[in-house]
C-alpha atoms as a PDB file:
ATOM      1  CA  UNK A   1     102.877  89.785 149.661  1.00  0.00           C
ATOM      2  CA  UNK A   2      99.385  87.908 148.334  1.00  0.00           C
ATOM      3  CA  UNK A   3      98.868  84.540 147.867  1.00  0.00           C
ATOM      4  CA  UNK A   4      97.614  83.600 144.690  1.00  0.00           C
ATOM      5  CA  UNK A   5      94.307  82.312 145.735  1.00  0.00           C
ATOM      6  CA  UNK A   6      93.454  85.938 147.836  1.00  0.00           C
ATOM      7  CA  UNK A   7      93.234  88.411 144.681  1.00  0.00           C
ATOM      8  CA  UNK A   8      91.371  84.922 142.521  1.00  0.00           C
ATOM      9  CA  UNK A   9      89.129  84.922 145.204  1.00  0.00           C
ATOM     10  CA  UNK A  10      88.358  88.422 145.190  1.00  0.00           C
ATOM     11  CA  UNK A  11      87.635  88.806 141.396  1.00  0.00           C
ATOM     12  CA  UNK A  12      85.389  85.931 141.522  1.00  0.00           C
ATOM     13  CA  UNK A  13      83.461  87.610 144.023  1.00  0.00           C
ATOM     14  CA  UNK A  14      83.677  90.896 141.971  1.00  0.00           C
ATOM     15  CA  UNK A  15      82.237  89.241 139.392  1.00  0.00           C
ATOM     16  CA  UNK A  16      79.828  87.246 140.752  1.00  0.00           C
ATOM     17  CA  UNK A  17      78.967  90.685 142.440  1.00  0.00           C
ATOM     18  CA  UNK A  18      78.551  92.440 139.160  1.00  0.00           C
ATOM     19  CA  UNK A  19      76.049  89.091 137.665  1.00  0.00           C
ATOM     20  CA  UNK A  20      73.827  89.692 140.591  1.00  0.00           C
ATOM     21  CA  UNK A  21      70.314  89.969 139.537  1.00  0.00           C
ATOM     22  CA  UNK A  22      69.781  92.175 142.904  1.00  0.00           C
ATOM     23  CA  UNK A  23      71.846  95.045 142.439  1.00  0.00           C
ATOM     24  CA  UNK A  24      74.393  94.003 139.908  1.00  0.00           C
ATOM     25  CA  UNK A  25      75.906  95.938 136.651  1.00  0.00           C
ATOM     26  CA  UNK A  26      72.773  96.158 134.327  1.00  0.00           C
ATOM     27  CA  UNK A  27      75.461  95.927 131.206  1.00  0.00           C
ATOM     28  CA  UNK A  28      77.325  92.713 133.036  1.00  0.00           C
ATOM     29  CA  UNK A  29      73.778  91.407 133.391  1.00  0.00           C
ATOM     30  CA  UNK A  30      73.195  91.976 130.073  1.00  0.00           C
ATOM     31  CA  UNK A  31      75.861  90.167 128.318  1.00  0.00           C
ATOM     32  CA  UNK A  32      75.975  86.203 127.205  1.00  0.00           C
ATOM     33  CA  UNK A  33      78.859  84.037 125.860  1.00  0.00           C
ATOM     34  CA  UNK A  34      78.474  85.207 121.756  1.00  0.00           C
ATOM     35  CA  UNK A  35      78.594  88.993 123.246  1.00  0.00           C
ATOM     36  CA  UNK A  36      81.510  88.792 125.112  1.00  0.00           C
ATOM     37  CA  UNK A  37      83.877  86.509 123.025  1.00  0.00           C
ATOM     38  CA  UNK A  38      84.750  89.376 120.851  1.00  0.00           C
ATOM     39  CA  UNK A  39      86.223  90.951 124.053  1.00  0.00           C
ATOM     40  CA  UNK A  40      87.898  87.811 124.655  1.00  0.00           C
ATOM     41  CA  UNK A  41      89.754  87.977 121.291  1.00  0.00           C
ATOM     42  CA  UNK A  42      90.310  91.544 121.504  1.00  0.00           C
ATOM     43  CA  UNK A  43      92.146  91.072 124.926  1.00  0.00           C
ATOM     44  CA  UNK A  44      94.324  87.787 123.670  1.00  0.00           C
ATOM     45  CA  UNK A  45      95.815  89.901 121.341  1.00  0.00           C
ATOM     46  CA  UNK A  46      96.491  92.879 123.720  1.00  0.00           C
ATOM     47  CA  UNK A  47      98.246  90.618 125.406  1.00  0.00           C
ATOM     48  CA  UNK A  48     100.327  89.570 122.154  1.00  0.00           C
ATOM     49  CA  UNK A  49     100.725  93.291 121.602  1.00  0.00           C
ATOM     50  CA  UNK A  50     102.505  94.045 125.187  1.00  0.00           C
ATOM     51  CA  UNK A  51     104.643  91.079 124.553  1.00  0.00           C
ATOM     52  CA  UNK A  52     105.645  92.552 121.249  1.00  0.00           C
ATOM     53  CA  UNK A  53     106.436  96.308 122.503  1.00  0.00           C
ATOM     54  CA  UNK A  54     108.118  94.167 125.422  1.00  0.00           C
ATOM     55  CA  UNK A  55     105.856  96.436 128.042  1.00  0.00           C
ATOM     56  CA  UNK A  56     105.651  94.325 130.849  1.00  0.00           C
ATOM     57  CA  UNK A  57     103.818  97.042 132.826  1.00  0.00           C
ATOM     58  CA  UNK A  58     101.090  96.616 130.000  1.00  0.00           C
ATOM     59  CA  UNK A  59     101.306  92.929 129.842  1.00  0.00           C
ATOM     60  CA  UNK A  60     100.499  92.334 133.790  1.00  0.00           C
ATOM     61  CA  UNK A  61      97.455  94.616 133.011  1.00  0.00           C
ATOM     62  CA  UNK A  62      96.617  93.094 129.754  1.00  0.00           C
ATOM     63  CA  UNK A  63      97.146  89.792 131.418  1.00  0.00           C
ATOM     64  CA  UNK A  64      94.278  90.729 134.236  1.00  0.00           C
ATOM     65  CA  UNK A  65      91.966  91.800 131.460  1.00  0.00           C
ATOM     66  CA  UNK A  66      92.372  88.601 129.743  1.00  0.00           C
ATOM     67  CA  UNK A  67      91.670  86.319 133.285  1.00  0.00           C
ATOM     68  CA  UNK A  68      88.502  88.765 134.065  1.00  0.00           C
ATOM     69  CA  UNK A  69      87.017  87.080 130.465  1.00  0.00           C
ATOM     70  CA  UNK A  70      88.116  83.628 131.605  1.00  0.00           C
ATOM     71  CA  UNK A  71      86.381  84.739 135.184  1.00  0.00           C
ATOM     72  CA  UNK A  72      83.050  86.327 133.107  1.00  0.00           C
ATOM     73  CA  UNK A  73      82.349  83.163 130.539  1.00  0.00           C
ATOM     74  CA  UNK A  74      82.951  80.820 134.069  1.00  0.00           C
ATOM     75  CA  UNK A  75      80.446  82.824 135.836  1.00  0.00           C
ATOM     76  CA  UNK A  76      77.987  82.616 132.967  1.00  0.00           C
ATOM     77  CA  UNK A  77      78.614  79.052 132.729  1.00  0.00           C
ATOM     78  CA  UNK A  78      77.754  78.391 136.374  1.00  0.00           C
ATOM     79  CA  UNK A  79      74.943  80.540 136.628  1.00  0.00           C
ATOM     80  CA  UNK A  80      73.247  78.186 133.893  1.00  0.00           C
ATOM     81  CA  UNK A  81      74.851  75.210 135.205  1.00  0.00           C
ATOM     82  CA  UNK A  82      77.607  73.867 133.121  1.00  0.00           C
ATOM     83  CA  UNK A  83      80.572  74.516 134.989  1.00  0.00           C
ATOM     84  CA  UNK A  84      82.060  77.087 137.365  1.00  0.00           C
ATOM     85  CA  UNK A  85      85.853  78.572 137.283  1.00  0.00           C
ATOM     86  CA  UNK A  86      87.329  75.657 139.569  1.00  0.00           C
ATOM     87  CA  UNK A  87      85.979  73.249 137.202  1.00  0.00           C
ATOM     88  CA  UNK A  88      87.798  75.288 134.455  1.00  0.00           C
ATOM     89  CA  UNK A  89      91.085  75.370 136.601  1.00  0.00           C
ATOM     90  CA  UNK A  90      90.786  71.831 136.994  1.00  0.00           C
ATOM     91  CA  UNK A  91      90.328  70.510 133.521  1.00  0.00           C
ATOM     92  CA  UNK A  92      93.218  72.786 132.172  1.00  0.00           C
ATOM     93  CA  UNK A  93      95.870  70.910 135.465  1.00  0.00           C
ATOM     94  CA  UNK A  94      94.418  67.459 134.587  1.00  0.00           C
ATOM     95  CA  UNK A  95      95.430  68.005 130.681  1.00  0.00           C
ATOM     96  CA  UNK A  96      98.560  69.336 131.373  1.00  0.00           C
ATOM     97  CA  UNK A  97      99.584  66.723 133.347  1.00  0.00           C
ATOM     98  CA  UNK A  98      98.207  64.213 130.974  1.00  0.00           C
ATOM     99  CA  UNK A  99     100.430  65.830 127.740  1.00  0.00           C
ATOM    100  CA  UNK A 100     103.426  65.705 130.492  1.00  0.00           C
ATOM    101  CA  UNK A 101     103.773  62.019 131.891  1.00  0.00           C
ATOM    102  CA  UNK A 102     107.851  62.482 131.676  1.00  0.00           C
ATOM    103  CA  UNK A 103     107.374  65.072 134.450  1.00  0.00           C
ATOM    104  CA  UNK A 104     104.100  64.104 136.206  1.00  0.00           C
ATOM    105  CA  UNK A 105     103.543  60.408 135.153  1.00  0.00           C
ATOM    106  CA  UNK A 106     107.155  58.693 136.066  1.00  0.00           C
ATOM    107  CA  UNK A 107     107.717  58.322 132.252  1.00  0.00           C
ATOM    108  CA  UNK A 108     111.359  58.925 131.814  1.00  0.00           C
ATOM    109  CA  UNK A 109     112.817  59.791 128.249  1.00  0.00           C
ATOM    110  CA  UNK A 110     115.211  62.540 126.863  1.00  0.00           C
ATOM    111  CA  UNK A 111     115.530  65.163 124.504  1.00  0.00           C
ATOM    112  CA  UNK A 112     113.330  63.147 121.840  1.00  0.00           C
ATOM    113  CA  UNK A 113     110.947  61.350 123.825  1.00  0.00           C
ATOM    114  CA  UNK A 114     110.552  57.427 123.761  1.00  0.00           C
ATOM    115  CA  UNK A 115     112.101  55.634 120.384  1.00  0.00           C
ATOM    116  CA  UNK A 116     113.166  58.999 119.269  1.00  0.00           C
ATOM    117  CA  UNK A 117     109.924  60.393 119.021  1.00  0.00           C
ATOM    118  CA  UNK A 118     110.288  64.456 118.847  1.00  0.00           C
ATOM    119  CA  UNK A 119     108.691  66.491 121.527  1.00  0.00           C
ATOM    120  CA  UNK A 120     106.867  68.355 119.155  1.00  0.00           C
ATOM    121  CA  UNK A 121     105.175  65.056 118.055  1.00  0.00           C
ATOM    122  CA  UNK A 122     104.581  63.409 120.891  1.00  0.00           C
ATOM    123  CA  UNK A 123     102.365  66.665 122.035  1.00  0.00           C
ATOM    124  CA  UNK A 124     100.632  66.797 118.618  1.00  0.00           C
ATOM    125  CA  UNK A 125     100.002  63.091 119.327  1.00  0.00           C
ATOM    126  CA  UNK A 126      98.860  63.517 122.893  1.00  0.00           C
ATOM    127  CA  UNK A 127      96.197  66.052 121.413  1.00  0.00           C
ATOM    128  CA  UNK A 128      95.253  64.014 118.555  1.00  0.00           C
ATOM    129  CA  UNK A 129      94.207  61.139 120.859  1.00  0.00           C
ATOM    130  CA  UNK A 130      92.294  63.757 123.127  1.00  0.00           C
ATOM    131  CA  UNK A 131      90.124  64.646 119.769  1.00  0.00           C
ATOM    132  CA  UNK A 132      90.118  60.894 119.164  1.00  0.00           C
ATOM    133  CA  UNK A 133      88.154  60.471 122.459  1.00  0.00           C
ATOM    134  CA  UNK A 134      85.932  63.450 121.873  1.00  0.00           C
ATOM    135  CA  UNK A 135      84.316  61.548 119.153  1.00  0.00           C
ATOM    136  CA  UNK A 136      86.366  63.377 116.299  1.00  0.00           C
ATOM    137  CA  UNK A 137      86.102  61.981 113.181  1.00  0.00           C
ATOM    138  CA  UNK A 138      88.437  64.307 110.659  1.00  0.00           C
ATOM    139  CA  UNK A 139      92.040  64.853 111.102  1.00  0.00           C
ATOM    140  CA  UNK A 140      90.882  68.913 110.677  1.00  0.00           C
ATOM    141  CA  UNK A 141      88.144  68.536 113.471  1.00  0.00           C
ATOM    142  CA  UNK A 142      89.229  70.881 116.481  1.00  0.00           C
ATOM    143  CA  UNK A 143      90.360  73.895 114.364  1.00  0.00           C
ATOM    144  CA  UNK A 144      88.780  77.000 115.695  1.00  0.00           C
ATOM    145  CA  UNK A 145      86.612  78.757 113.304  1.00  0.00           C
ATOM    146  CA  UNK A 146      87.281  82.282 115.177  1.00  0.00           C
ATOM    147  CA  UNK A 147      91.250  82.084 114.583  1.00  0.00           C
ATOM    148  CA  UNK A 148      92.761  84.674 112.081  1.00  0.00           C
ATOM    149  CA  UNK A 149      92.323  82.910 108.377  1.00  0.00           C
ATOM    150  CA  UNK A 150      96.052  83.261 107.791  1.00  0.00           C
ATOM    151  CA  UNK A 151      96.615  81.453 111.327  1.00  0.00           C
ATOM    152  CA  UNK A 152      93.718  78.930 110.632  1.00  0.00           C
ATOM    153  CA  UNK A 153      94.966  78.191 106.930  1.00  0.00           C
ATOM    154  CA  UNK A 154      98.169  77.086 108.308  1.00  0.00           C
ATOM    155  CA  UNK A 155      96.524  75.124 111.284  1.00  0.00           C
ATOM    156  CA  UNK A 156      94.486  73.041 108.601  1.00  0.00           C
ATOM    157  CA  UNK A 157      97.614  72.608 106.530  1.00  0.00           C
ATOM    158  CA  UNK A 158      99.325  71.160 109.256  1.00  0.00           C
ATOM    159  CA  UNK A 159      96.615  69.229 110.629  1.00  0.00           C
ATOM    160  CA  UNK A 160      96.538  67.211 106.746  1.00  0.00           C
ATOM    161  CA  UNK A 161     100.065  66.999 106.652  1.00  0.00           C
ATOM    162  CA  UNK A 162      99.959  64.831 110.138  1.00  0.00           C
ATOM    163  CA  UNK A 163      98.454  62.160 107.854  1.00  0.00           C
ATOM    164  CA  UNK A 164     100.431  62.549 104.905  1.00  0.00           C
ATOM    165  CA  UNK A 165      99.204  65.396 102.749  1.00  0.00           C
ATOM    166  CA  UNK A 166     101.530  67.838 101.935  1.00  0.00           C
ATOM    167  CA  UNK A 167     104.504  68.581  99.540  1.00  0.00           C
ATOM    168  CA  UNK A 168     107.641  66.921 100.207  1.00  0.00           C
ATOM    169  CA  UNK A 169     109.530  70.047  99.709  1.00  0.00           C
ATOM    170  CA  UNK A 170     108.962  73.584  98.921  1.00  0.00           C
ATOM    171  CA  UNK A 171     109.515  73.155  95.266  1.00  0.00           C
ATOM    172  CA  UNK A 172     105.734  71.894  95.174  1.00  0.00           C
ATOM    173  CA  UNK A 173     103.928  74.804  96.854  1.00  0.00           C
ATOM    174  CA  UNK A 174     106.135  77.358  95.212  1.00  0.00           C
ATOM    175  CA  UNK A 175     104.880  76.027  91.776  1.00  0.00           C
ATOM    176  CA  UNK A 176     101.553  76.425  93.371  1.00  0.00           C
ATOM    177  CA  UNK A 177     101.812  79.901  93.865  1.00  0.00           C
ATOM    178  CA  UNK A 178     102.763  80.561  90.308  1.00  0.00           C
ATOM    179  CA  UNK A 179     100.168  78.167  88.997  1.00  0.00           C
ATOM    180  CA  UNK A 180      97.213  80.195  91.756  1.00  0.00           C
ATOM    181  CA  UNK A 181      98.862  83.274  90.436  1.00  0.00           C
ATOM    182  CA  UNK A 182      98.075  82.765  86.949  1.00  0.00           C
ATOM    183  CA  UNK A 183      94.816  81.911  87.543  1.00  0.00           C
ATOM    184  CA  UNK A 184      94.073  85.046  89.269  1.00  0.00           C
ATOM    185  CA  UNK A 185      95.085  87.512  86.631  1.00  0.00           C
ATOM    186  CA  UNK A 186      92.812  85.265  83.994  1.00  0.00           C
ATOM    187  CA  UNK A 187      90.016  85.368  86.547  1.00  0.00           C
ATOM    188  CA  UNK A 188      87.653  87.501  84.648  1.00  0.00           C
ATOM    189  CA  UNK A 189      84.680  88.426  87.280  1.00  0.00           C
ATOM    190  CA  UNK A 190      84.602  89.555  90.445  1.00  0.00           C
ATOM    191  CA  UNK A 191      83.354  86.295  91.717  1.00  0.00           C
ATOM    192  CA  UNK A 192      86.021  84.073  90.384  1.00  0.00           C
ATOM    193  CA  UNK A 193      88.560  86.378  91.374  1.00  0.00           C
ATOM    194  CA  UNK A 194      87.493  86.729  95.185  1.00  0.00           C
ATOM    195  CA  UNK A 195      88.039  82.503  94.866  1.00  0.00           C
ATOM    196  CA  UNK A 196      91.426  82.924  93.127  1.00  0.00           C
ATOM    197  CA  UNK A 197      92.310  85.074  95.639  1.00  0.00           C
ATOM    198  CA  UNK A 198      91.610  83.049  98.746  1.00  0.00           C
ATOM    199  CA  UNK A 199      93.761  79.797  96.749  1.00  0.00           C
ATOM    200  CA  UNK A 200      96.130  82.359  96.274  1.00  0.00           C
ATOM    201  CA  UNK A 201      97.005  83.433  99.828  1.00  0.00           C
ATOM    202  CA  UNK A 202      96.215  79.833 100.883  1.00  0.00           C
ATOM    203  CA  UNK A 203      99.001  78.730  98.622  1.00  0.00           C
ATOM    204  CA  UNK A 204     101.169  81.522  99.851  1.00  0.00           C
ATOM    205  CA  UNK A 205     100.957  80.158 103.130  1.00  0.00           C
ATOM    206  CA  UNK A 206     101.785  76.411 102.168  1.00  0.00           C
ATOM    207  CA  UNK A 207     104.557  77.623 100.658  1.00  0.00           C
ATOM    208  CA  UNK A 208     105.927  79.594 103.409  1.00  0.00           C
ATOM    209  CA  UNK A 209     104.790  76.845 106.077  1.00  0.00           C
ATOM    210  CA  UNK A 210     106.913  74.548 104.090  1.00  0.00           C
ATOM    211  CA  UNK A 211     110.296  76.736 104.927  1.00  0.00           C
ATOM    212  CA  UNK A 212     109.422  76.214 108.321  1.00  0.00           C
ATOM    213  CA  UNK A 213     108.251  79.473 109.284  1.00  0.00           C
ATOM    214  CA  UNK A 214     104.759  80.798 111.088  1.00  0.00           C
ATOM    215  CA  UNK A 215     102.928  82.477 108.302  1.00  0.00           C
ATOM    216  CA  UNK A 216     101.460  84.682 111.069  1.00  0.00           C
ATOM    217  CA  UNK A 217     104.107  85.708 112.669  1.00  0.00           C
ATOM    218  CA  UNK A 218     106.317  86.336 109.624  1.00  0.00           C
ATOM    219  CA  UNK A 219     103.233  88.447 108.228  1.00  0.00           C
ATOM    220  CA  UNK A 220     103.415  89.932 111.933  1.00  0.00           C
ATOM    221  CA  UNK A 221     107.026  91.367 111.360  1.00  0.00           C
ATOM    222  CA  UNK A 222     105.817  92.503 107.635  1.00  0.00           C
ATOM    223  CA  UNK A 223     103.379  94.639 108.621  1.00  0.00           C
ATOM    224  CA  UNK A 224     105.675  96.132 111.335  1.00  0.00           C
ATOM    225  CA  UNK A 225     108.135  96.807 108.579  1.00  0.00           C
ATOM    226  CA  UNK A 226     105.899  98.350 106.691  1.00  0.00           C
ATOM    227  CA  UNK A 227     104.365 101.054 108.842  1.00  0.00           C
ATOM    228  CA  UNK A 228     108.147 101.509 110.672  1.00  0.00           C
ATOM    229  CA  UNK A 229     109.183 102.529 106.858  1.00  0.00           C
ATOM    230  CA  UNK A 230     105.859 104.150 105.909  1.00  0.00           C
ATOM    231  CA  UNK A 231     106.467 106.368 108.756  1.00  0.00           C
ATOM    232  CA  UNK A 232     109.898 106.897 108.040  1.00  0.00           C
ATOM    233  CA  UNK A 233     108.587 108.358 104.434  1.00  0.00           C
ATOM    234  CA  UNK A 234     106.142 110.466 105.980  1.00  0.00           C
ATOM    235  CA  UNK A 235     108.983 112.291 108.292  1.00  0.00           C
ATOM    236  CA  UNK A 236     111.321 112.903 105.288  1.00  0.00           C
ATOM    237  CA  UNK A 237     108.185 114.132 103.317  1.00  0.00           C
ATOM    238  CA  UNK A 238     107.612 116.553 106.146  1.00  0.00           C
ATOM    239  CA  UNK A 239     104.487 114.940 107.129  1.00  0.00           C
ATOM    240  CA  UNK A 240     102.544 113.841 104.389  1.00  0.00           C
ATOM    241  CA  UNK A 241     103.652 111.499 100.865  1.00  0.00           C
ATOM    242  CA  UNK A 242     100.087 112.410  99.768  1.00  0.00           C
ATOM    243  CA  UNK A 243     101.641 115.366  97.024  1.00  0.00           C
ATOM    244  CA  UNK A 244     104.367 113.628  95.913  1.00  0.00           C
ATOM    245  CA  UNK A 245     103.935 111.281  92.591  1.00  0.00           C
ATOM    246  CA  UNK A 246     104.609 108.242  92.129  1.00  0.00           C
ATOM    247  CA  UNK A 247     108.311 108.024  91.328  1.00  0.00           C
ATOM    248  CA  UNK A 248     108.448 110.840  94.343  1.00  0.00           C
ATOM    249  CA  UNK A 249     107.395 108.695  96.691  1.00  0.00           C
ATOM    250  CA  UNK A 250     109.296 105.407  95.392  1.00  0.00           C
ATOM    251  CA  UNK A 251     112.343 107.268  96.140  1.00  0.00           C
ATOM    252  CA  UNK A 252     111.442 108.125  99.686  1.00  0.00           C
ATOM    253  CA  UNK A 253     110.875 104.178  99.603  1.00  0.00           C
ATOM    254  CA  UNK A 254     114.406 104.061  98.667  1.00  0.00           C
ATOM    255  CA  UNK A 255     116.064 106.371 100.903  1.00  0.00           C
ATOM    256  CA  UNK A 256     114.028 104.966 104.146  1.00  0.00           C
ATOM    257  CA  UNK A 257     115.455 101.442 102.643  1.00  0.00           C
ATOM    258  CA  UNK A 258     119.130 102.559 102.648  1.00  0.00           C
ATOM    259  CA  UNK A 259     119.104 104.447 106.172  1.00  0.00           C
ATOM    260  CA  UNK A 260     117.919 101.131 107.538  1.00  0.00           C
ATOM    261  CA  UNK A 261     120.586  99.104 105.806  1.00  0.00           C
ATOM    262  CA  UNK A 262     123.792 101.801 106.943  1.00  0.00           C
END
């Protein structure tokens, strides 16, 4: 069996060859951080998809594709004199050691940490301290703009909640959802409707979060359920529901739901 360093060294060498100005790959040489970033995001989603499908063969392949993205960005940074792959690995190793003082720093505490501090809170405090050390001036700093909007909304709300800007229970965000629903219905222009639609979705995320549910995960599950049921409707209809009226389509939907419960 090969050691981890052997295939990794091989991959780093391959990327160096692809980016070699003399004899390298034209496509690889033409890329930059911005042009590669969409592929990095896509590969991360493909990893998540393989996990959701519990496909270990696909997961191995997709993790390799994601690792290639890290190697690609690191190589371009090295060429520009910023940092190399080894610096990336060293930085995350240092960060993980610092965030786990009870493992690597000789600090011993139990399930809830020192003075009853929950582990998640301890983790978030460590990350907040890291942001402050980098000069952060806002509790919202560092929430990546490239995140999916639903996930970013939840992260912004969690950051705000850490400094006390949050409802004490689900009743507050529930009332806000009702309020935003009415405002969306009353909006008179496309611009106003667009704004109110965003406010409604943001309020819905806040309500779901108040129940301790990750909105991104919940919507992902709802998407999967809808797709499963819609495909079952098509199967019942003989391949397509396009020729059915709304009542006929609803009957198919209810039949699928009843079959699932049975």
